[in-house]
Amino acid sequence: MKHLLIAATVLFAAPAQAYQILPTLYARTFCEMRQLGLSKADANKAAVQAGVIDGDDAPLVMVGGRLVRTDALIAVRYIDQMCPEMDL
């Protein structure tokens, strides 16, 4: 469930037009910002600015009865790997 919530956060903070999340860049920025003491929301904003580009939307998959972007799920997995000690 934690993965879905973060993925949803990514969706809400991203631009309205078609976009792609660069999972490793997003995750690295998110983790660095959290380690510097930024709130989850502020770290997410910084990560979206760094790790989201214009482009075709990523495919959607059904997870827990909800449609979620595959690039958001990959970004969340990278966050778990890069900074598992962070409270996501």
N, C-alpha and C. Protein backbone atom coordinates (compact mmCIF):
# COMPACT_ATOMS: atom_id res chain seq x y z
N MET A 1 0.83 -1.19 0.00
CA MET A 1 0.00 0.00 0.00
C MET A 1 0.87 1.25 0.00
N LYS A 2 2.01 1.22 0.69
CA LYS A 2 2.92 2.37 0.73
C LYS A 2 3.32 2.76 -0.69
N HIS A 3 3.56 1.76 -1.53
CA HIS A 3 3.97 2.03 -2.91
C HIS A 3 2.88 2.77 -3.67
N LEU A 4 1.64 2.38 -3.48
CA LEU A 4 0.54 3.04 -4.17
C LEU A 4 0.40 4.48 -3.74
N LEU A 5 0.55 4.73 -2.46
CA LEU A 5 0.40 6.10 -1.97
C LEU A 5 1.46 7.02 -2.52
N ILE A 6 2.69 6.56 -2.58
CA ILE A 6 3.75 7.39 -3.13
C ILE A 6 3.56 7.56 -4.62
N ALA A 7 3.19 6.49 -5.31
CA ALA A 7 2.95 6.60 -6.74
C ALA A 7 1.84 7.60 -7.01
N ALA A 8 0.82 7.58 -6.20
CA ALA A 8 -0.28 8.54 -6.36
C ALA A 8 0.21 9.96 -6.10
N THR A 9 1.10 10.12 -5.13
CA THR A 9 1.66 11.44 -4.85
C THR A 9 2.41 11.96 -6.07
N VAL A 10 3.15 11.07 -6.71
CA VAL A 10 3.87 11.46 -7.93
C VAL A 10 2.88 11.94 -8.98
N LEU A 11 1.78 11.26 -9.12
CA LEU A 11 0.79 11.64 -10.13
C LEU A 11 0.23 13.02 -9.85
N PHE A 12 -0.08 13.32 -8.62
CA PHE A 12 -0.70 14.60 -8.30
C PHE A 12 0.28 15.75 -8.46
N ALA A 13 1.56 15.51 -8.28
CA ALA A 13 2.54 16.59 -8.34
C ALA A 13 3.09 16.81 -9.74
N ALA A 14 2.81 15.91 -10.65
CA ALA A 14 3.39 15.99 -11.99
C ALA A 14 2.57 16.91 -12.89
N PRO A 15 3.17 17.34 -13.99
CA PRO A 15 2.48 18.24 -14.91
C PRO A 15 1.21 17.63 -15.49
N ALA A 16 0.31 18.48 -15.97
CA ALA A 16 -0.97 18.01 -16.51
C ALA A 16 -0.82 17.39 -17.89
N GLN A 17 0.16 17.81 -18.67
CA GLN A 17 0.33 17.24 -20.01
C GLN A 17 0.99 15.87 -19.92
N ALA A 18 1.12 15.21 -21.07
CA ALA A 18 1.76 13.90 -21.12
C ALA A 18 3.19 14.03 -20.58
N TYR A 19 3.61 13.07 -19.79
CA TYR A 19 4.93 13.12 -19.18
C TYR A 19 5.45 11.72 -18.88
N GLN A 20 6.73 11.66 -18.63
CA GLN A 20 7.37 10.43 -18.18
C GLN A 20 8.21 10.74 -16.96
N ILE A 21 8.21 9.80 -16.04
CA ILE A 21 9.05 9.91 -14.84
C ILE A 21 10.34 9.17 -15.13
N LEU A 22 11.47 9.80 -14.88
CA LEU A 22 12.77 9.14 -14.96
C LEU A 22 13.02 8.56 -13.57
N PRO A 23 12.75 7.26 -13.40
CA PRO A 23 12.69 6.68 -12.04
C PRO A 23 13.95 6.86 -11.20
N THR A 24 15.13 6.64 -11.78
CA THR A 24 16.34 6.75 -10.94
C THR A 24 16.62 8.19 -10.55
N LEU A 25 16.41 9.13 -11.46
CA LEU A 25 16.64 10.53 -11.15
C LEU A 25 15.61 11.03 -10.13
N TYR A 26 14.37 10.64 -10.31
CA TYR A 26 13.32 11.01 -9.36
C TYR A 26 13.67 10.47 -7.97
N ALA A 27 14.01 9.18 -7.88
CA ALA A 27 14.28 8.55 -6.59
C ALA A 27 15.51 9.14 -5.92
N ARG A 28 16.57 9.37 -6.70
CA ARG A 28 17.78 9.94 -6.11
C ARG A 28 17.51 11.33 -5.54
N THR A 29 16.79 12.15 -6.29
CA THR A 29 16.48 13.50 -5.81
C THR A 29 15.58 13.45 -4.58
N PHE A 30 14.56 12.58 -4.61
CA PHE A 30 13.66 12.45 -3.47
C PHE A 30 14.45 12.06 -2.22
N CYS A 31 15.29 11.05 -2.33
CA CYS A 31 16.07 10.59 -1.17
C CYS A 31 17.02 11.67 -0.66
N GLU A 32 17.70 12.36 -1.59
CA GLU A 32 18.63 13.42 -1.17
C GLU A 32 17.90 14.53 -0.43
N MET A 33 16.76 14.92 -0.94
CA MET A 33 15.99 15.99 -0.30
C MET A 33 15.47 15.58 1.08
N ARG A 34 15.01 14.34 1.21
CA ARG A 34 14.54 13.85 2.51
C ARG A 34 15.70 13.79 3.49
N GLN A 35 16.89 13.36 3.03
CA GLN A 35 18.05 13.29 3.90
C GLN A 35 18.48 14.68 4.36
N LEU A 36 18.19 15.69 3.55
CA LEU A 36 18.50 17.08 3.93
C LEU A 36 17.45 17.67 4.86
N GLY A 37 16.39 16.90 5.12
CA GLY A 37 15.39 17.34 6.08
C GLY A 37 14.12 17.93 5.49
N LEU A 38 13.96 17.88 4.17
CA LEU A 38 12.73 18.40 3.56
C LEU A 38 11.57 17.48 3.88
N SER A 39 10.39 18.05 3.91
CA SER A 39 9.18 17.24 4.11
C SER A 39 8.97 16.34 2.89
N LYS A 40 8.10 15.35 3.04
CA LYS A 40 7.79 14.47 1.91
C LYS A 40 7.26 15.27 0.74
N ALA A 41 6.36 16.21 1.02
CA ALA A 41 5.76 17.00 -0.05
C ALA A 41 6.81 17.84 -0.78
N ASP A 42 7.70 18.49 -0.03
CA ASP A 42 8.73 19.32 -0.65
C ASP A 42 9.76 18.47 -1.40
N ALA A 43 10.10 17.31 -0.84
CA ALA A 43 11.03 16.41 -1.52
C ALA A 43 10.39 15.90 -2.81
N ASN A 44 9.10 15.64 -2.77
CA ASN A 44 8.40 15.18 -3.97
C ASN A 44 8.40 16.28 -5.03
N LYS A 45 8.16 17.51 -4.64
CA LYS A 45 8.17 18.62 -5.61
C LYS A 45 9.54 18.74 -6.27
N ALA A 46 10.60 18.66 -5.49
CA ALA A 46 11.95 18.75 -6.04
C ALA A 46 12.23 17.58 -6.97
N ALA A 47 11.79 16.39 -6.58
CA ALA A 47 12.01 15.20 -7.40
C ALA A 47 11.24 15.27 -8.71
N VAL A 48 10.04 15.80 -8.67
CA VAL A 48 9.25 15.95 -9.90
C VAL A 48 9.94 16.94 -10.83
N GLN A 49 10.44 18.05 -10.28
CA GLN A 49 11.13 19.02 -11.13
C GLN A 49 12.37 18.41 -11.78
N ALA A 50 13.07 17.55 -11.05
CA ALA A 50 14.30 16.96 -11.57
C ALA A 50 14.03 15.74 -12.46
N GLY A 51 13.01 14.95 -12.13
CA GLY A 51 12.87 13.65 -12.74
C GLY A 51 11.65 13.42 -13.61
N VAL A 52 10.99 14.49 -14.05
CA VAL A 52 9.83 14.34 -14.92
C VAL A 52 10.09 15.14 -16.20
N ILE A 53 9.86 14.49 -17.34
CA ILE A 53 10.07 15.13 -18.63
C ILE A 53 8.81 15.01 -19.48
N ASP A 54 8.68 15.89 -20.46
CA ASP A 54 7.58 15.78 -21.42
C ASP A 54 7.78 14.51 -22.24
N GLY A 55 6.70 13.87 -22.57
CA GLY A 55 6.76 12.67 -23.39
C GLY A 55 5.48 11.89 -23.27
N ASP A 56 5.45 10.76 -23.93
CA ASP A 56 4.26 9.91 -23.88
C ASP A 56 4.06 9.39 -22.47
N ASP A 57 2.80 9.27 -22.08
CA ASP A 57 2.49 8.73 -20.76
C ASP A 57 2.93 7.28 -20.66
N ALA A 58 3.35 6.87 -19.48
CA ALA A 58 3.75 5.49 -19.22
C ALA A 58 2.51 4.61 -19.18
N PRO A 59 2.68 3.33 -19.46
CA PRO A 59 1.55 2.41 -19.36
C PRO A 59 1.02 2.35 -17.92
N LEU A 60 -0.25 2.01 -17.81
CA LEU A 60 -0.89 1.85 -16.51
C LEU A 60 -1.07 0.37 -16.21
N VAL A 61 -0.95 0.02 -14.93
CA VAL A 61 -1.20 -1.35 -14.48
C VAL A 61 -2.16 -1.29 -13.30
N MET A 62 -2.89 -2.36 -13.08
CA MET A 62 -3.82 -2.44 -11.97
C MET A 62 -3.09 -3.00 -10.75
N VAL A 63 -3.08 -2.24 -9.68
CA VAL A 63 -2.46 -2.66 -8.42
C VAL A 63 -3.45 -2.37 -7.31
N GLY A 64 -3.86 -3.38 -6.61
CA GLY A 64 -4.80 -3.20 -5.51
C GLY A 64 -6.11 -2.57 -5.95
N GLY A 65 -6.51 -2.86 -7.17
CA GLY A 65 -7.77 -2.34 -7.67
C GLY A 65 -7.69 -0.91 -8.21
N ARG A 66 -6.48 -0.35 -8.30
CA ARG A 66 -6.30 1.01 -8.81
C ARG A 66 -5.32 1.00 -9.97
N LEU A 67 -5.56 1.87 -10.95
CA LEU A 67 -4.62 2.02 -12.05
C LEU A 67 -3.47 2.91 -11.60
N VAL A 68 -2.25 2.44 -11.85
CA VAL A 68 -1.05 3.15 -11.43
C VAL A 68 -0.06 3.15 -12.59
N ARG A 69 0.64 4.25 -12.76
CA ARG A 69 1.67 4.35 -13.80
C ARG A 69 2.83 3.40 -13.48
N THR A 70 3.34 2.74 -14.52
CA THR A 70 4.46 1.84 -14.31
C THR A 70 5.73 2.60 -13.94
N ASP A 71 5.94 3.77 -14.51
CA ASP A 71 7.14 4.53 -14.17
C ASP A 71 7.11 5.00 -12.72
N ALA A 72 5.93 5.29 -12.20
CA ALA A 72 5.81 5.68 -10.79
C ALA A 72 6.13 4.49 -9.88
N LEU A 73 5.66 3.31 -10.24
CA LEU A 73 5.96 2.12 -9.43
C LEU A 73 7.46 1.83 -9.42
N ILE A 74 8.10 1.99 -10.57
CA ILE A 74 9.55 1.76 -10.64
C ILE A 74 10.28 2.79 -9.78
N ALA A 75 9.85 4.05 -9.84
CA ALA A 75 10.47 5.09 -9.01
C ALA A 75 10.35 4.77 -7.53
N VAL A 76 9.20 4.28 -7.13
CA VAL A 76 8.98 3.91 -5.73
C VAL A 76 9.90 2.77 -5.32
N ARG A 77 10.06 1.80 -6.20
CA ARG A 77 10.97 0.68 -5.90
C ARG A 77 12.40 1.20 -5.72
N TYR A 78 12.82 2.12 -6.56
CA TYR A 78 14.16 2.69 -6.42
C TYR A 78 14.31 3.47 -5.12
N ILE A 79 13.26 4.18 -4.71
CA ILE A 79 13.32 4.88 -3.43
C ILE A 79 13.52 3.88 -2.30
N ASP A 80 12.81 2.77 -2.34
CA ASP A 80 12.97 1.73 -1.31
C ASP A 80 14.40 1.21 -1.28
N GLN A 81 15.04 1.11 -2.45
CA GLN A 81 16.41 0.60 -2.52
C GLN A 81 17.44 1.65 -2.12
N MET A 82 17.21 2.89 -2.52
CA MET A 82 18.22 3.95 -2.30
C MET A 82 18.20 4.52 -0.89
N CYS A 83 17.02 4.59 -0.30
CA CYS A 83 16.93 5.16 1.05
C CYS A 83 15.85 4.43 1.86
N PRO A 84 16.10 3.15 2.16
CA PRO A 84 15.09 2.36 2.86
C PRO A 84 14.80 2.87 4.27
N GLU A 85 15.71 3.64 4.84
CA GLU A 85 15.51 4.14 6.20
C GLU A 85 14.56 5.33 6.24
N MET A 86 14.26 5.91 5.09
CA MET A 86 13.37 7.07 5.04
C MET A 86 11.93 6.66 5.31
N ASP A 87 11.22 7.52 6.00
CA ASP A 87 9.80 7.33 6.22
C ASP A 87 9.07 7.85 4.99
N LEU A 88 8.66 6.92 4.15
CA LEU A 88 8.00 7.32 2.90
C LEU A 88 6.54 7.49 3.15
